[in-house]
């Protein structure tokens, strides 16, 4: 979780989300979502190292995916907890999505009718 936060939060703070339409809203979000032990800027500067670590973890995770969903039986609680975390990661340029995970992301994007964030990836 901490690695995901270090990759996504600095990018979230820079992204063009509608909820950050005002400077005050963005500043409040940044104030309330600080990283432990580092700043957003320092975490962003360390992106190469963090993305390398995450790429390795994504390879391992891809081996656990069964077709379109996490479990062979179809959509389950595992998908409900995994999908939002993977979707958050799509805001990070430089992640190498294994084919199985990429297919999973696109399937869940369509099923949930919630777009992944790669169009605004930083």
Foldseek 3Di string as FASTA:
>chain_A
DLLLCLQQVLLVLVFDDVQPVDVVSSVVVLVVRAHPPDGNVVSNVCNVVSLVVVLVVLVVQLVQCDALGNDPVDDDVVCVVPLVSVLSNLLAPPHDHDPSVVSNNVSVCVVVVPDRNVVNHD
